[in-house]
């Protein structure tokens, strides 16, 4: 995972408070971003897409597996190269989260969002 893609932000979001940052294609007749003026920001294009092997990976380079309970830890493949890691679902409570983290430590599974 080498190249870093730019943040694609909506043109004019700094000028008007009602506009969100989220990307919208510029369609205005006089819009400078639509005319591909470089200083006005990057536009979404297919050329920014990552390689097929890198898509959907965590920034650390491992594939994420969503875990809801300790039984779901069996889905995570553990190899010395750390191909997959567990991400505890947001709806899991404190008690069950601690159980999952303890079980993951025993099995040698990396948890991407542990409690601090």
Protein backbone atom coordinates (compact mmCIF):
# COMPACT_ATOMS: atom_id res chain seq x y z
CA UNK A 1 0.00 0.00 0.00
CA UNK A 2 2.19 2.76 -1.29
CA UNK A 3 0.39 5.65 -2.97
CA UNK A 4 -1.84 7.95 -0.97
CA UNK A 5 -4.94 9.26 -2.65
CA UNK A 6 -6.03 12.86 -2.08
CA UNK A 7 -9.08 13.82 -0.06
CA UNK A 8 -11.90 14.34 -2.52
CA UNK A 9 -13.87 17.25 -1.12
CA UNK A 10 -16.85 19.04 -2.59
CA UNK A 11 -16.01 22.20 -4.48
CA UNK A 12 -16.99 25.34 -2.56
CA UNK A 13 -17.65 23.64 0.77
CA UNK A 14 -15.50 26.26 2.52
CA UNK A 15 -17.55 29.14 1.09
CA UNK A 16 -21.07 28.01 2.01
CA UNK A 17 -21.97 26.66 5.42
CA UNK A 18 -24.83 24.52 4.08
CA UNK A 19 -22.50 22.48 1.84
CA UNK A 20 -20.98 19.35 3.31
CA UNK A 21 -17.46 18.12 2.59
CA UNK A 22 -18.72 14.93 0.98
CA UNK A 23 -17.89 14.59 -2.71
CA UNK A 24 -20.39 15.78 -5.31
CA UNK A 25 -19.54 15.97 -8.99
CA UNK A 26 -19.09 19.61 -10.11
CA UNK A 27 -21.71 20.43 -12.77
CA UNK A 28 -21.76 24.21 -12.97
CA UNK A 29 -21.10 25.91 -16.31
CA UNK A 30 -18.31 28.13 -14.95
CA UNK A 31 -17.04 25.70 -12.30
CA UNK A 32 -13.23 25.64 -12.28
CA UNK A 33 -13.02 22.13 -10.86
CA UNK A 34 -15.21 20.84 -13.68
CA UNK A 35 -12.78 22.48 -16.12
CA UNK A 36 -9.90 20.50 -14.51
CA UNK A 37 -8.03 23.47 -13.07
CA UNK A 38 -5.39 21.71 -10.94
CA UNK A 39 -5.33 24.20 -8.05
CA UNK A 40 -9.05 23.72 -7.40
CA UNK A 41 -8.65 20.18 -6.04
CA UNK A 42 -8.55 16.62 -7.28
CA UNK A 43 -11.52 14.99 -8.96
CA UNK A 44 -12.64 11.42 -8.47
CA UNK A 45 -11.22 9.23 -11.26
CA UNK A 46 -10.70 5.52 -11.82
CA UNK A 47 -6.92 6.06 -11.84
CA UNK A 48 -6.89 6.61 -8.07
CA UNK A 49 -8.17 3.09 -7.37
CA UNK A 50 -5.92 0.74 -5.39
CA UNK A 51 -4.62 -2.61 -6.59
CA UNK A 52 -7.07 -5.49 -6.32
CA UNK A 53 -5.05 -7.18 -3.53
CA UNK A 54 -4.98 -3.99 -1.44
CA UNK A 55 -8.68 -3.09 -1.61
CA UNK A 56 -10.62 -3.36 1.63
CA UNK A 57 -7.52 -3.75 3.80
CA UNK A 58 -6.88 -1.96 7.08
CA UNK A 59 -4.12 0.68 6.79
CA UNK A 60 -1.80 -1.73 8.66
CA UNK A 61 -2.19 -4.17 5.75
CA UNK A 62 -4.39 -6.83 7.38
CA UNK A 63 -7.89 -7.89 6.40
CA UNK A 64 -10.58 -7.12 8.99
CA UNK A 65 -13.03 -9.69 10.36
CA UNK A 66 -16.02 -8.34 12.28
CA UNK A 67 -16.48 -10.11 15.62
CA UNK A 68 -19.65 -10.10 17.75
CA UNK A 69 -18.76 -12.80 20.32
CA UNK A 70 -15.96 -15.19 21.30
CA UNK A 71 -17.22 -17.88 18.89
CA UNK A 72 -16.64 -15.52 15.96
CA UNK A 73 -12.90 -15.49 16.73
CA UNK A 74 -12.75 -18.91 15.04
CA UNK A 75 -13.38 -17.14 11.71
CA UNK A 76 -10.09 -15.24 12.01
CA UNK A 77 -7.17 -16.94 10.29
CA UNK A 78 -3.98 -16.77 12.36
CA UNK A 79 -0.67 -17.11 10.52
CA UNK A 80 2.74 -15.71 11.42
CA UNK A 81 2.34 -13.02 8.72
CA UNK A 82 -0.93 -11.80 10.33
CA UNK A 83 -3.23 -11.99 7.30
CA UNK A 84 -6.40 -11.19 9.26
CA UNK A 85 -7.26 -9.26 12.41
CA UNK A 86 -10.44 -8.93 14.48
CA UNK A 87 -12.57 -5.80 14.76
CA UNK A 88 -15.07 -5.89 17.61
CA UNK A 89 -18.52 -4.70 16.50
CA UNK A 90 -19.71 -1.35 17.84
CA UNK A 91 -22.83 -2.83 19.44
CA UNK A 92 -20.85 -5.16 21.73
CA UNK A 93 -20.96 -4.14 25.39
CA UNK A 94 -18.12 -3.74 27.88
CA UNK A 95 -18.34 -7.18 29.52
CA UNK A 96 -18.47 -9.17 26.29
CA UNK A 97 -15.79 -6.92 24.76
CA UNK A 98 -13.41 -7.81 27.61
CA UNK A 99 -14.14 -11.52 27.11
CA UNK A 100 -13.41 -11.23 23.39
CA UNK A 101 -10.13 -9.39 24.04
CA UNK A 102 -8.99 -11.99 26.58
CA UNK A 103 -9.82 -14.86 24.21
CA UNK A 104 -8.04 -13.08 21.34
CA UNK A 105 -4.91 -12.64 23.46
CA UNK A 106 -4.90 -16.39 24.23
CA UNK A 107 -5.34 -17.27 20.54
CA UNK A 108 -2.78 -14.69 19.40
CA UNK A 109 -5.25 -12.65 17.35
CA UNK A 110 -4.72 -8.94 16.87
CA UNK A 111 -7.71 -6.75 17.85
CA UNK A 112 -7.91 -3.55 15.80
CA UNK A 113 -10.10 -1.60 18.25
CA UNK A 114 -9.19 -2.67 21.81
CA UNK A 115 -10.34 -0.81 24.90
CA UNK A 116 -7.67 1.47 26.25
